[in-house]
Amino acid sequence: HEEVGELSTLIQRIRKEFDLTILLVEHHMQLVMSLCENVTVLD
């Protein structure tokens, strides 16, 4: 849980400082919902 929080902070920093588009494929919904502007759900 702690590492996921650190990862979230890192991804946010990378996105901002590197001015990157990030495509995230992830099952950890809290991470997805906290990071993503647009979400596509597959079943």
PDB file of all heavy atoms in Angstrom:
ATOM      1  N   HIS A   1       0.834  -1.203   0.000  1.00  0.00           N
ATOM      2  CA  HIS A   1       0.000   0.000   0.000  1.00  0.00           C
ATOM      3  C   HIS A   1       0.873   1.259   0.000  1.00  0.00           C
ATOM      4  O   HIS A   1       0.617   2.209  -0.738  1.00  0.00           O
ATOM      5  CB  HIS A   1      -0.948  -0.018   1.205  1.00  0.00           C
ATOM      6  CG  HIS A   1      -1.878   1.134   1.260  1.00  0.00           C
ATOM      7  ND1 HIS A   1      -2.931   1.284   0.385  1.00  0.00           N
ATOM      8  CD2 HIS A   1      -1.897   2.217   2.068  1.00  0.00           C
ATOM      9  CE1 HIS A   1      -3.567   2.412   0.652  1.00  0.00           C
ATOM     10  NE2 HIS A   1      -2.964   2.991   1.682  1.00  0.00           N
ATOM     11  N   GLU A   2       1.900   1.258   0.836  1.00  0.00           N
ATOM     12  CA  GLU A   2       2.809   2.402   0.924  1.00  0.00           C
ATOM     13  C   GLU A   2       3.541   2.610  -0.400  1.00  0.00           C
ATOM     14  O   GLU A   2       3.689   3.744  -0.867  1.00  0.00           O
ATOM     15  CB  GLU A   2       3.814   2.190   2.053  1.00  0.00           C
ATOM     16  CG  GLU A   2       4.794   3.339   2.206  1.00  0.00           C
ATOM     17  CD  GLU A   2       5.780   3.096   3.339  1.00  0.00           C
ATOM     18  OE1 GLU A   2       5.371   2.625   4.408  1.00  0.00           O
ATOM     19  OE2 GLU A   2       6.967   3.400   3.124  1.00  0.00           O
ATOM     20  N   GLU A   3       4.004   1.523  -1.006  1.00  0.00           N
ATOM     21  CA  GLU A   3       4.717   1.629  -2.283  1.00  0.00           C
ATOM     22  C   GLU A   3       3.804   2.135  -3.394  1.00  0.00           C
ATOM     23  O   GLU A   3       4.251   2.886  -4.266  1.00  0.00           O
ATOM     24  CB  GLU A   3       5.319   0.278  -2.672  1.00  0.00           C
ATOM     25  CG  GLU A   3       6.474  -0.151  -1.796  1.00  0.00           C
ATOM     26  CD  GLU A   3       6.911  -1.578  -2.037  1.00  0.00           C
ATOM     27  OE1 GLU A   3       6.049  -2.450  -2.293  1.00  0.00           O
ATOM     28  OE2 GLU A   3       8.132  -1.840  -1.966  1.00  0.00           O
ATOM     29  N   VAL A   4       2.525   1.760  -3.375  1.00  0.00           N
ATOM     30  CA  VAL A   4       1.576   2.257  -4.371  1.00  0.00           C
ATOM     31  C   VAL A   4       1.420   3.767  -4.224  1.00  0.00           C
ATOM     32  O   VAL A   4       1.377   4.498  -5.226  1.00  0.00           O
ATOM     33  CB  VAL A   4       0.212   1.537  -4.276  1.00  0.00           C
ATOM     34  CG1 VAL A   4      -0.819   2.209  -5.174  1.00  0.00           C
ATOM     35  CG2 VAL A   4       0.354   0.069  -4.652  1.00  0.00           C
ATOM     36  N   GLY A   5       1.362   4.257  -3.002  1.00  0.00           N
ATOM     37  CA  GLY A   5       1.285   5.697  -2.774  1.00  0.00           C
ATOM     38  C   GLY A   5       2.510   6.423  -3.319  1.00  0.00           C
ATOM     39  O   GLY A   5       2.396   7.481  -3.951  1.00  0.00           O
ATOM     40  N   GLU A   6       3.681   5.850  -3.082  1.00  0.00           N
ATOM     41  CA  GLU A   6       4.920   6.431  -3.606  1.00  0.00           C
ATOM     42  C   GLU A   6       4.931   6.400  -5.131  1.00  0.00           C
ATOM     43  O   GLU A   6       5.369   7.363  -5.775  1.00  0.00           O
ATOM     44  CB  GLU A   6       6.130   5.684  -3.053  1.00  0.00           C
ATOM     45  CG  GLU A   6       6.336   5.875  -1.564  1.00  0.00           C
ATOM     46  CD  GLU A   6       7.351   4.916  -0.965  1.00  0.00           C
ATOM     47  OE1 GLU A   6       7.951   4.108  -1.711  1.00  0.00           O
ATOM     48  OE2 GLU A   6       7.536   4.970   0.267  1.00  0.00           O
ATOM     49  N   LEU A   7       4.439   5.305  -5.704  1.00  0.00           N
ATOM     50  CA  LEU A   7       4.362   5.185  -7.158  1.00  0.00           C
ATOM     51  C   LEU A   7       3.436   6.247  -7.736  1.00  0.00           C
ATOM     52  O   LEU A   7       3.748   6.874  -8.747  1.00  0.00           O
ATOM     53  CB  LEU A   7       3.874   3.790  -7.552  1.00  0.00           C
ATOM     54  CG  LEU A   7       3.665   3.552  -9.041  1.00  0.00           C
ATOM     55  CD1 LEU A   7       4.985   3.607  -9.799  1.00  0.00           C
ATOM     56  CD2 LEU A   7       2.966   2.213  -9.267  1.00  0.00           C
ATOM     57  N   SER A   8       2.314   6.477  -7.104  1.00  0.00           N
ATOM     58  CA  SER A   8       1.365   7.487  -7.563  1.00  0.00           C
ATOM     59  C   SER A   8       2.028   8.862  -7.602  1.00  0.00           C
ATOM     60  O   SER A   8       1.917   9.598  -8.595  1.00  0.00           O
ATOM     61  CB  SER A   8       0.138   7.511  -6.653  1.00  0.00           C
ATOM     62  OG  SER A   8      -0.744   8.529  -7.051  1.00  0.00           O
ATOM     63  N   THR A   9       2.731   9.204  -6.538  1.00  0.00           N
ATOM     64  CA  THR A   9       3.430  10.490  -6.470  1.00  0.00           C
ATOM     65  C   THR A   9       4.490  10.574  -7.567  1.00  0.00           C
ATOM     66  O   THR A   9       4.622  11.601  -8.237  1.00  0.00           O
ATOM     67  CB  THR A   9       4.076  10.670  -5.083  1.00  0.00           C
ATOM     68  OG1 THR A   9       3.045  10.622  -4.093  1.00  0.00           O
ATOM     69  CG2 THR A   9       4.827  11.977  -4.981  1.00  0.00           C
ATOM     70  N   LEU A  10       5.213   9.486  -7.774  1.00  0.00           N
ATOM     71  CA  LEU A  10       6.249   9.451  -8.801  1.00  0.00           C
ATOM     72  C   LEU A  10       5.654   9.636 -10.195  1.00  0.00           C
ATOM     73  O   LEU A  10       6.158  10.424 -10.998  1.00  0.00           O
ATOM     74  CB  LEU A  10       7.023   8.131  -8.723  1.00  0.00           C
ATOM     75  CG  LEU A  10       8.075   7.910  -9.819  1.00  0.00           C
ATOM     76  CD1 LEU A  10       9.159   8.984  -9.758  1.00  0.00           C
ATOM     77  CD2 LEU A  10       8.664   6.511  -9.702  1.00  0.00           C
ATOM     78  N   ILE A  11       4.580   8.932 -10.491  1.00  0.00           N
ATOM     79  CA  ILE A  11       3.960   9.041 -11.817  1.00  0.00           C
ATOM     80  C   ILE A  11       3.448  10.457 -12.058  1.00  0.00           C
ATOM     81  O   ILE A  11       3.618  11.014 -13.149  1.00  0.00           O
ATOM     82  CB  ILE A  11       2.839   8.000 -11.991  1.00  0.00           C
ATOM     83  CG1 ILE A  11       3.425   6.588 -12.024  1.00  0.00           C
ATOM     84  CG2 ILE A  11       2.039   8.267 -13.270  1.00  0.00           C
ATOM     85  CD1 ILE A  11       2.394   5.473 -11.962  1.00  0.00           C
ATOM     86  N   GLN A  12       2.846  11.056 -11.051  1.00  0.00           N
ATOM     87  CA  GLN A  12       2.378  12.443 -11.185  1.00  0.00           C
ATOM     88  C   GLN A  12       3.541  13.381 -11.474  1.00  0.00           C
ATOM     89  O   GLN A  12       3.449  14.266 -12.326  1.00  0.00           O
ATOM     90  CB  GLN A  12       1.642  12.886  -9.918  1.00  0.00           C
ATOM     91  CG  GLN A  12       0.307  12.226  -9.738  1.00  0.00           C
ATOM     92  CD  GLN A  12      -0.318  12.525  -8.379  1.00  0.00           C
ATOM     93  OE1 GLN A  12       0.281  13.151  -7.519  1.00  0.00           O
ATOM     94  NE2 GLN A  12      -1.538  12.060  -8.193  1.00  0.00           N
ATOM     95  N   ARG A  13       4.649  13.189 -10.770  1.00  0.00           N
ATOM     96  CA  ARG A  13       5.837  14.022 -10.964  1.00  0.00           C
ATOM     97  C   ARG A  13       6.419  13.829 -12.361  1.00  0.00           C
ATOM     98  O   ARG A  13       6.754  14.801 -13.042  1.00  0.00           O
ATOM     99  CB  ARG A  13       6.871  13.683  -9.889  1.00  0.00           C
ATOM    100  CG  ARG A  13       7.971  14.709  -9.765  1.00  0.00           C
ATOM    101  CD  ARG A  13       8.875  14.399  -8.599  1.00  0.00           C
ATOM    102  NE  ARG A  13      10.015  13.673  -9.125  1.00  0.00           N
ATOM    103  CZ  ARG A  13      10.646  12.697  -8.519  1.00  0.00           C
ATOM    104  NH1 ARG A  13      10.270  12.272  -7.345  1.00  0.00           N
ATOM    105  NH2 ARG A  13      11.688  12.120  -9.082  1.00  0.00           N
ATOM    106  N   ILE A  14       6.504  12.584 -12.798  1.00  0.00           N
ATOM    107  CA  ILE A  14       7.036  12.289 -14.128  1.00  0.00           C
ATOM    108  C   ILE A  14       6.166  12.935 -15.202  1.00  0.00           C
ATOM    109  O   ILE A  14       6.679  13.552 -16.143  1.00  0.00           O
ATOM    110  CB  ILE A  14       7.136  10.763 -14.353  1.00  0.00           C
ATOM    111  CG1 ILE A  14       8.264  10.182 -13.503  1.00  0.00           C
ATOM    112  CG2 ILE A  14       7.334  10.433 -15.825  1.00  0.00           C
ATOM    113  CD1 ILE A  14       8.288   8.667 -13.457  1.00  0.00           C
ATOM    114  N   ARG A  15       4.864  12.785 -15.064  1.00  0.00           N
ATOM    115  CA  ARG A  15       3.939  13.352 -16.059  1.00  0.00           C
ATOM    116  C   ARG A  15       4.147  14.856 -16.187  1.00  0.00           C
ATOM    117  O   ARG A  15       4.209  15.402 -17.286  1.00  0.00           O
ATOM    118  CB  ARG A  15       2.502  13.023 -15.693  1.00  0.00           C
ATOM    119  CG  ARG A  15       1.498  13.573 -16.705  1.00  0.00           C
ATOM    120  CD  ARG A  15       0.091  13.132 -16.411  1.00  0.00           C
ATOM    121  NE  ARG A  15      -0.310  13.506 -15.059  1.00  0.00           N
ATOM    122  CZ  ARG A  15      -1.386  13.034 -14.457  1.00  0.00           C
ATOM    123  NH1 ARG A  15      -2.165  12.158 -15.057  1.00  0.00           N
ATOM    124  NH2 ARG A  15      -1.697  13.424 -13.259  1.00  0.00           N
ATOM    125  N   LYS A  16       4.259  15.513 -15.054  1.00  0.00           N
ATOM    126  CA  LYS A  16       4.403  16.973 -15.053  1.00  0.00           C
ATOM    127  C   LYS A  16       5.784  17.406 -15.534  1.00  0.00           C
ATOM    128  O   LYS A  16       5.900  18.254 -16.426  1.00  0.00           O
ATOM    129  CB  LYS A  16       4.150  17.505 -13.645  1.00  0.00           C
ATOM    130  CG  LYS A  16       4.275  18.997 -13.527  1.00  0.00           C
ATOM    131  CD  LYS A  16       4.020  19.459 -12.105  1.00  0.00           C
ATOM    132  CE  LYS A  16       4.241  20.957 -11.992  1.00  0.00           C
ATOM    133  NZ  LYS A  16       4.165  21.393 -10.608  1.00  0.00           N
ATOM    134  N   GLU A  17       6.830  16.850 -14.969  1.00  0.00           N
ATOM    135  CA  GLU A  17       8.185  17.326 -15.244  1.00  0.00           C
ATOM    136  C   GLU A  17       8.721  16.897 -16.605  1.00  0.00           C
ATOM    137  O   GLU A  17       9.553  17.585 -17.183  1.00  0.00           O
ATOM    138  CB  GLU A  17       9.126  16.897 -14.118  1.00  0.00           C
ATOM    139  CG  GLU A  17       8.786  17.595 -12.805  1.00  0.00           C
ATOM    140  CD  GLU A  17       9.640  17.156 -11.640  1.00  0.00           C
ATOM    141  OE1 GLU A  17      10.686  16.499 -11.846  1.00  0.00           O
ATOM    142  OE2 GLU A  17       9.268  17.480 -10.496  1.00  0.00           O
ATOM    143  N   PHE A  18       8.254  15.757 -17.120  1.00  0.00           N
ATOM    144  CA  PHE A  18       8.699  15.298 -18.430  1.00  0.00           C
ATOM    145  C   PHE A  18       7.690  15.653 -19.514  1.00  0.00           C
ATOM    146  O   PHE A  18       7.913  15.362 -20.680  1.00  0.00           O
ATOM    147  CB  PHE A  18       8.944  13.781 -18.425  1.00  0.00           C
ATOM    148  CG  PHE A  18      10.195  13.374 -17.715  1.00  0.00           C
ATOM    149  CD1 PHE A  18      10.237  13.322 -16.330  1.00  0.00           C
ATOM    150  CD2 PHE A  18      11.332  13.036 -18.423  1.00  0.00           C
ATOM    151  CE1 PHE A  18      11.386  12.938 -15.657  1.00  0.00           C
ATOM    152  CE2 PHE A  18      12.493  12.650 -17.768  1.00  0.00           C
ATOM    153  CZ  PHE A  18      12.517  12.604 -16.381  1.00  0.00           C
ATOM    154  N   ASP A  19       6.560  16.239 -19.126  1.00  0.00           N
ATOM    155  CA  ASP A  19       5.495  16.608 -20.053  1.00  0.00           C
ATOM    156  C   ASP A  19       5.129  15.423 -20.943  1.00  0.00           C
ATOM    157  O   ASP A  19       5.143  15.505 -22.171  1.00  0.00           O
ATOM    158  CB  ASP A  19       5.909  17.813 -20.899  1.00  0.00           C
ATOM    159  CG  ASP A  19       4.736  18.401 -21.666  1.00  0.00           C
ATOM    160  OD1 ASP A  19       3.579  18.278 -21.189  1.00  0.00           O
ATOM    161  OD2 ASP A  19       4.965  18.968 -22.744  1.00  0.00           O
ATOM    162  N   LEU A  20       4.809  14.312 -20.291  1.00  0.00           N
ATOM    163  CA  LEU A  20       4.524  13.059 -20.991  1.00  0.00           C
ATOM    164  C   LEU A  20       3.043  12.724 -20.981  1.00  0.00           C
ATOM    165  O   LEU A  20       2.333  13.032 -20.020  1.00  0.00           O
ATOM    166  CB  LEU A  20       5.229  11.889 -20.295  1.00  0.00           C
ATOM    167  CG  LEU A  20       6.707  11.731 -20.489  1.00  0.00           C
ATOM    168  CD1 LEU A  20       7.225  10.596 -19.630  1.00  0.00           C
ATOM    169  CD2 LEU A  20       7.030  11.472 -21.934  1.00  0.00           C
ATOM    170  N   THR A  21       2.625  12.057 -22.032  1.00  0.00           N
ATOM    171  CA  THR A  21       1.351  11.365 -22.011  1.00  0.00           C
ATOM    172  C   THR A  21       1.639   9.988 -21.432  1.00  0.00           C
ATOM    173  O   THR A  21       2.605   9.330 -21.831  1.00  0.00           O
ATOM    174  CB  THR A  21       0.782  11.231 -23.434  1.00  0.00           C
ATOM    175  OG1 THR A  21       0.534  12.540 -23.939  1.00  0.00           O
ATOM    176  CG2 THR A  21      -0.500  10.409 -23.442  1.00  0.00           C
ATOM    177  N   ILE A  22       0.830   9.560 -20.491  1.00  0.00           N
ATOM    178  CA  ILE A  22       1.033   8.253 -19.866  1.00  0.00           C
ATOM    179  C   ILE A  22      -0.200   7.395 -20.096  1.00  0.00           C
ATOM    180  O   ILE A  22      -1.322   7.824 -19.816  1.00  0.00           O
ATOM    181  CB  ILE A  22       1.322   8.400 -18.355  1.00  0.00           C
ATOM    182  CG1 ILE A  22       2.612   9.194 -18.153  1.00  0.00           C
ATOM    183  CG2 ILE A  22       1.408   7.023 -17.689  1.00  0.00           C
ATOM    184  CD1 ILE A  22       2.960   9.473 -16.707  1.00  0.00           C
ATOM    185  N   LEU A  23       0.037   6.210 -20.624  1.00  0.00           N
ATOM    186  CA  LEU A  23      -1.026   5.219 -20.792  1.00  0.00           C
ATOM    187  C   LEU A  23      -0.811   4.183 -19.689  1.00  0.00           C
ATOM    188  O   LEU A  23       0.229   3.524 -19.642  1.00  0.00           O
ATOM    189  CB  LEU A  23      -0.949   4.565 -22.170  1.00  0.00           C
ATOM    190  CG  LEU A  23      -1.948   3.438 -22.436  1.00  0.00           C
ATOM    191  CD1 LEU A  23      -3.373   3.958 -22.337  1.00  0.00           C
ATOM    192  CD2 LEU A  23      -1.690   2.827 -23.794  1.00  0.00           C
ATOM    193  N   LEU A  24      -1.776   4.098 -18.808  1.00  0.00           N
ATOM    194  CA  LEU A  24      -1.674   3.237 -17.631  1.00  0.00           C
ATOM    195  C   LEU A  24      -2.644   2.072 -17.767  1.00  0.00           C
ATOM    196  O   LEU A  24      -3.844   2.281 -17.918  1.00  0.00           O
ATOM    197  CB  LEU A  24      -2.009   4.063 -16.381  1.00  0.00           C
ATOM    198  CG  LEU A  24      -2.025   3.359 -15.040  1.00  0.00           C
ATOM    199  CD1 LEU A  24      -0.617   2.909 -14.657  1.00  0.00           C
ATOM    200  CD2 LEU A  24      -2.582   4.296 -13.975  1.00  0.00           C
ATOM    201  N   VAL A  25      -2.120   0.872 -17.744  1.00  0.00           N
ATOM    202  CA  VAL A  25      -2.942  -0.337 -17.711  1.00  0.00           C
ATOM    203  C   VAL A  25      -2.803  -0.864 -16.287  1.00  0.00           C
ATOM    204  O   VAL A  25      -1.700  -1.213 -15.863  1.00  0.00           O
ATOM    205  CB  VAL A  25      -2.444  -1.390 -18.727  1.00  0.00           C
ATOM    206  CG1 VAL A  25      -3.260  -2.668 -18.621  1.00  0.00           C
ATOM    207  CG2 VAL A  25      -2.464  -0.825 -20.136  1.00  0.00           C
ATOM    208  N   GLU A  26      -3.915  -0.884 -15.552  1.00  0.00           N
ATOM    209  CA  GLU A  26      -3.794  -1.173 -14.122  1.00  0.00           C
ATOM    210  C   GLU A  26      -5.092  -1.705 -13.552  1.00  0.00           C
ATOM    211  O   GLU A  26      -6.175  -1.297 -13.961  1.00  0.00           O
ATOM    212  CB  GLU A  26      -3.390   0.116 -13.396  1.00  0.00           C
ATOM    213  CG  GLU A  26      -3.142  -0.026 -11.925  1.00  0.00           C
ATOM    214  CD  GLU A  26      -2.057  -1.021 -11.592  1.00  0.00           C
ATOM    215  OE1 GLU A  26      -0.877  -0.769 -11.882  1.00  0.00           O
ATOM    216  OE2 GLU A  26      -2.401  -2.090 -11.026  1.00  0.00           O
ATOM    217  N   HIS A  27      -4.972  -2.628 -12.577  1.00  0.00           N
ATOM    218  CA  HIS A  27      -6.126  -3.159 -11.862  1.00  0.00           C
ATOM    219  C   HIS A  27      -6.318  -2.469 -10.515  1.00  0.00           C
ATOM    220  O   HIS A  27      -7.345  -2.646  -9.887  1.00  0.00           O
ATOM    221  CB  HIS A  27      -5.964  -4.664 -11.632  1.00  0.00           C
ATOM    222  CG  HIS A  27      -6.112  -5.452 -12.874  1.00  0.00           C
ATOM    223  ND1 HIS A  27      -5.036  -5.834 -13.640  1.00  0.00           N
ATOM    224  CD2 HIS A  27      -7.210  -5.931 -13.504  1.00  0.00           C
ATOM    225  CE1 HIS A  27      -5.469  -6.520 -14.681  1.00  0.00           C
ATOM    226  NE2 HIS A  27      -6.779  -6.583 -14.623  1.00  0.00           N
ATOM    227  N   HIS A  28      -5.341  -1.731 -10.058  1.00  0.00           N
ATOM    228  CA  HIS A  28      -5.419  -1.050  -8.766  1.00  0.00           C
ATOM    229  C   HIS A  28      -6.259   0.211  -8.961  1.00  0.00           C
ATOM    230  O   HIS A  28      -5.778   1.250  -9.403  1.00  0.00           O
ATOM    231  CB  HIS A  28      -4.011  -0.708  -8.278  1.00  0.00           C
ATOM    232  CG  HIS A  28      -3.953  -0.292  -6.852  1.00  0.00           C
ATOM    233  ND1 HIS A  28      -4.435   0.916  -6.413  1.00  0.00           N
ATOM    234  CD2 HIS A  28      -3.478  -0.934  -5.758  1.00  0.00           C
ATOM    235  CE1 HIS A  28      -4.248   1.010  -5.115  1.00  0.00           C
ATOM    236  NE2 HIS A  28      -3.668  -0.103  -4.696  1.00  0.00           N
ATOM    237  N   MET A  29      -7.547   0.100  -8.618  1.00  0.00           N
ATOM    238  CA  MET A  29      -8.494   1.165  -8.944  1.00  0.00           C
ATOM    239  C   MET A  29      -8.226   2.477  -8.229  1.00  0.00           C
ATOM    240  O   MET A  29      -8.430   3.545  -8.795  1.00  0.00           O
ATOM    241  CB  MET A  29      -9.932   0.710  -8.668  1.00  0.00           C
ATOM    242  CG  MET A  29     -10.442  -0.319  -9.669  1.00  0.00           C
ATOM    243  SD  MET A  29     -10.414   0.294 -11.366  1.00  0.00           S
ATOM    244  CE  MET A  29      -8.916  -0.440 -12.008  1.00  0.00           C
ATOM    245  N   GLN A  30      -7.745   2.436  -7.006  1.00  0.00           N
ATOM    246  CA  GLN A  30      -7.445   3.679  -6.305  1.00  0.00           C
ATOM    247  C   GLN A  30      -6.350   4.445  -7.042  1.00  0.00           C
ATOM    248  O   GLN A  30      -6.433   5.664  -7.195  1.00  0.00           O
ATOM    249  CB  GLN A  30      -7.028   3.394  -4.863  1.00  0.00           C
ATOM    250  CG  GLN A  30      -6.801   4.661  -4.057  1.00  0.00           C
ATOM    251  CD  GLN A  30      -6.451   4.365  -2.615  1.00  0.00           C
ATOM    252  OE1 GLN A  30      -6.429   3.218  -2.181  1.00  0.00           O
ATOM    253  NE2 GLN A  30      -6.170   5.407  -1.862  1.00  0.00           N
ATOM    254  N   LEU A  31      -5.347   3.736  -7.521  1.00  0.00           N
ATOM    255  CA  LEU A  31      -4.277   4.370  -8.293  1.00  0.00           C
ATOM    256  C   LEU A  31      -4.831   4.961  -9.585  1.00  0.00           C
ATOM    257  O   LEU A  31      -4.562   6.111  -9.921  1.00  0.00           O
ATOM    258  CB  LEU A  31      -3.164   3.362  -8.593  1.00  0.00           C
ATOM    259  CG  LEU A  31      -1.991   3.890  -9.417  1.00  0.00           C
ATOM    260  CD1 LEU A  31      -1.225   4.959  -8.643  1.00  0.00           C
ATOM    261  CD2 LEU A  31      -1.074   2.747  -9.809  1.00  0.00           C
ATOM    262  N   VAL A  32      -5.622   4.188 -10.301  1.00  0.00           N
ATOM    263  CA  VAL A  32      -6.206   4.651 -11.564  1.00  0.00           C
ATOM    264  C   VAL A  32      -7.037   5.906 -11.336  1.00  0.00           C
ATOM    265  O   VAL A  32      -6.887   6.907 -12.044  1.00  0.00           O
ATOM    266  CB  VAL A  32      -7.074   3.546 -12.207  1.00  0.00           C
ATOM    267  CG1 VAL A  32      -7.870   4.090 -13.381  1.00  0.00           C
ATOM    268  CG2 VAL A  32      -6.206   2.370 -12.646  1.00  0.00           C
ATOM    269  N   MET A  33      -7.913   5.865 -10.361  1.00  0.00           N
ATOM    270  CA  MET A  33      -8.822   6.982 -10.136  1.00  0.00           C
ATOM    271  C   MET A  33      -8.105   8.233  -9.635  1.00  0.00           C
ATOM    272  O   MET A  33      -8.553   9.345  -9.885  1.00  0.00           O
ATOM    273  CB  MET A  33      -9.939   6.586  -9.167  1.00  0.00           C
ATOM    274  CG  MET A  33     -10.822   5.466  -9.698  1.00  0.00           C
ATOM    275  SD  MET A  33     -11.543   5.872 -11.311  1.00  0.00           S
ATOM    276  CE  MET A  33     -12.195   4.301 -11.792  1.00  0.00           C
ATOM    277  N   SER A  34      -6.981   8.061  -8.976  1.00  0.00           N
ATOM    278  CA  SER A  34      -6.249   9.227  -8.473  1.00  0.00           C
ATOM    279  C   SER A  34      -5.342   9.852  -9.534  1.00  0.00           C
ATOM    280  O   SER A  34      -5.011  11.025  -9.441  1.00  0.00           O
ATOM    281  CB  SER A  34      -5.415   8.848  -7.242  1.00  0.00           C
ATOM    282  OG  SER A  34      -4.337   8.014  -7.601  1.00  0.00           O
ATOM    283  N   LEU A  35      -4.954   9.068 -10.540  1.00  0.00           N
ATOM    284  CA  LEU A  35      -4.006   9.558 -11.543  1.00  0.00           C
ATOM    285  C   LEU A  35      -4.624   9.976 -12.867  1.00  0.00           C
ATOM    286  O   LEU A  35      -4.147  10.903 -13.515  1.00  0.00           O
ATOM    287  CB  LEU A  35      -2.975   8.470 -11.866  1.00  0.00           C
ATOM    288  CG  LEU A  35      -1.886   8.186 -10.870  1.00  0.00           C
ATOM    289  CD1 LEU A  35      -1.027   7.028 -11.352  1.00  0.00           C
ATOM    290  CD2 LEU A  35      -1.032   9.416 -10.641  1.00  0.00           C
ATOM    291  N   CYS A  36      -5.653   9.277 -13.277  1.00  0.00           N
ATOM    292  CA  CYS A  36      -6.099   9.382 -14.666  1.00  0.00           C
ATOM    293  C   CYS A  36      -7.137  10.461 -14.896  1.00  0.00           C
ATOM    294  O   CYS A  36      -8.038  10.662 -14.081  1.00  0.00           O
ATOM    295  CB  CYS A  36      -6.657   8.033 -15.119  1.00  0.00           C
ATOM    296  SG  CYS A  36      -5.398   6.745 -15.081  1.00  0.00           S
ATOM    297  N   GLU A  37      -7.021  11.122 -16.029  1.00  0.00           N
ATOM    298  CA  GLU A  37      -8.013  12.101 -16.462  1.00  0.00           C
ATOM    299  C   GLU A  37      -9.122  11.406 -17.235  1.00  0.00           C
ATOM    300  O   GLU A  37     -10.270  11.809 -17.166  1.00  0.00           O
ATOM    301  CB  GLU A  37      -7.352  13.157 -17.346  1.00  0.00           C
ATOM    302  CG  GLU A  37      -6.311  13.984 -16.619  1.00  0.00           C
ATOM    303  CD  GLU A  37      -5.495  14.842 -17.562  1.00  0.00           C
ATOM    304  OE1 GLU A  37      -5.805  14.897 -18.774  1.00  0.00           O
ATOM    305  OE2 GLU A  37      -4.527  15.457 -17.081  1.00  0.00           O
ATOM    306  N   ASN A  38      -8.751  10.390 -17.985  1.00  0.00           N
ATOM    307  CA  ASN A  38      -9.694   9.600 -18.772  1.00  0.00           C
ATOM    308  C   ASN A  38      -9.467   8.123 -18.467  1.00  0.00           C
ATOM    309  O   ASN A  38      -8.326   7.680 -18.397  1.00  0.00           O
ATOM    310  CB  ASN A  38      -9.489   9.829 -20.275  1.00  0.00           C
ATOM    311  CG  ASN A  38      -9.740  11.268 -20.656  1.00  0.00           C
ATOM    312  OD1 ASN A  38     -10.841  11.758 -20.507  1.00  0.00           O
ATOM    313  ND2 ASN A  38      -8.707  11.947 -21.122  1.00  0.00           N
ATOM    314  N   VAL A  39     -10.559   7.398 -18.293  1.00  0.00           N
ATOM    315  CA  VAL A  39     -10.485   5.982 -17.956  1.00  0.00           C
ATOM    316  C   VAL A  39     -11.322   5.200 -18.961  1.00  0.00           C
ATOM    317  O   VAL A  39     -12.445   5.600 -19.282  1.00  0.00           O
ATOM    318  CB  VAL A  39     -11.026   5.727 -16.524  1.00  0.00           C
ATOM    319  CG1 VAL A  39     -11.008   4.246 -16.186  1.00  0.00           C
ATOM    320  CG2 VAL A  39     -10.243   6.530 -15.505  1.00  0.00           C
ATOM    321  N   THR A  40     -10.766   4.097 -19.429  1.00  0.00           N
ATOM    322  CA  THR A  40     -11.514   3.158 -20.269  1.00  0.00           C
ATOM    323  C   THR A  40     -11.523   1.829 -19.534  1.00  0.00           C
ATOM    324  O   THR A  40     -10.474   1.359 -19.086  1.00  0.00           O
ATOM    325  CB  THR A  40     -10.866   2.998 -21.653  1.00  0.00           C
ATOM    326  OG1 THR A  40     -10.858   4.275 -22.305  1.00  0.00           O
ATOM    327  CG2 THR A  40     -11.624   1.998 -22.515  1.00  0.00           C
ATOM    328  N   VAL A  41     -12.698   1.235 -19.392  1.00  0.00           N
ATOM    329  CA  VAL A  41     -12.837  -0.020 -18.652  1.00  0.00           C
ATOM    330  C   VAL A  41     -13.153  -1.141 -19.625  1.00  0.00           C
ATOM    331  O   VAL A  41     -14.052  -1.025 -20.459  1.00  0.00           O
ATOM    332  CB  VAL A  41     -13.961   0.086 -17.593  1.00  0.00           C
ATOM    333  CG1 VAL A  41     -14.104  -1.228 -16.834  1.00  0.00           C
ATOM    334  CG2 VAL A  41     -13.692   1.238 -16.641  1.00  0.00           C
ATOM    335  N   LEU A  42     -12.392  -2.226 -19.488  1.00  0.00           N
ATOM    336  CA  LEU A  42     -12.616  -3.433 -20.280  1.00  0.00           C
ATOM    337  C   LEU A  42     -13.138  -4.536 -19.381  1.00  0.00           C
ATOM    338  O   LEU A  42     -12.734  -4.657 -18.228  1.00  0.00           O
ATOM    339  CB  LEU A  42     -11.317  -3.894 -20.937  1.00  0.00           C
ATOM    340  CG  LEU A  42     -10.590  -2.903 -21.838  1.00  0.00           C
ATOM    341  CD1 LEU A  42      -9.301  -3.526 -22.356  1.00  0.00           C
ATOM    342  CD2 LEU A  42     -11.467  -2.455 -22.978  1.00  0.00           C
ATOM    343  N   ASP A  43     -14.009  -5.340 -19.925  1.00  0.00           N
ATOM    344  CA  ASP A  43     -14.501  -6.531 -19.243  1.00  0.00           C
ATOM    345  C   ASP A  43     -14.320  -7.681 -20.218  1.00  0.00           C
ATOM    346  O   ASP A  43     -14.995  -7.735 -21.249  1.00  0.00           O
ATOM    347  CB  ASP A  43     -15.969  -6.344 -18.849  1.00  0.00           C
ATOM    348  CG  ASP A  43     -16.511  -7.516 -18.044  1.00  0.00           C
ATOM    349  OD1 ASP A  43     -15.725  -8.150 -17.308  1.00  0.00           O
ATOM    350  OD2 ASP A  43     -17.719  -7.798 -18.149  1.00  0.00           O
TER     351      ASP A  43
END
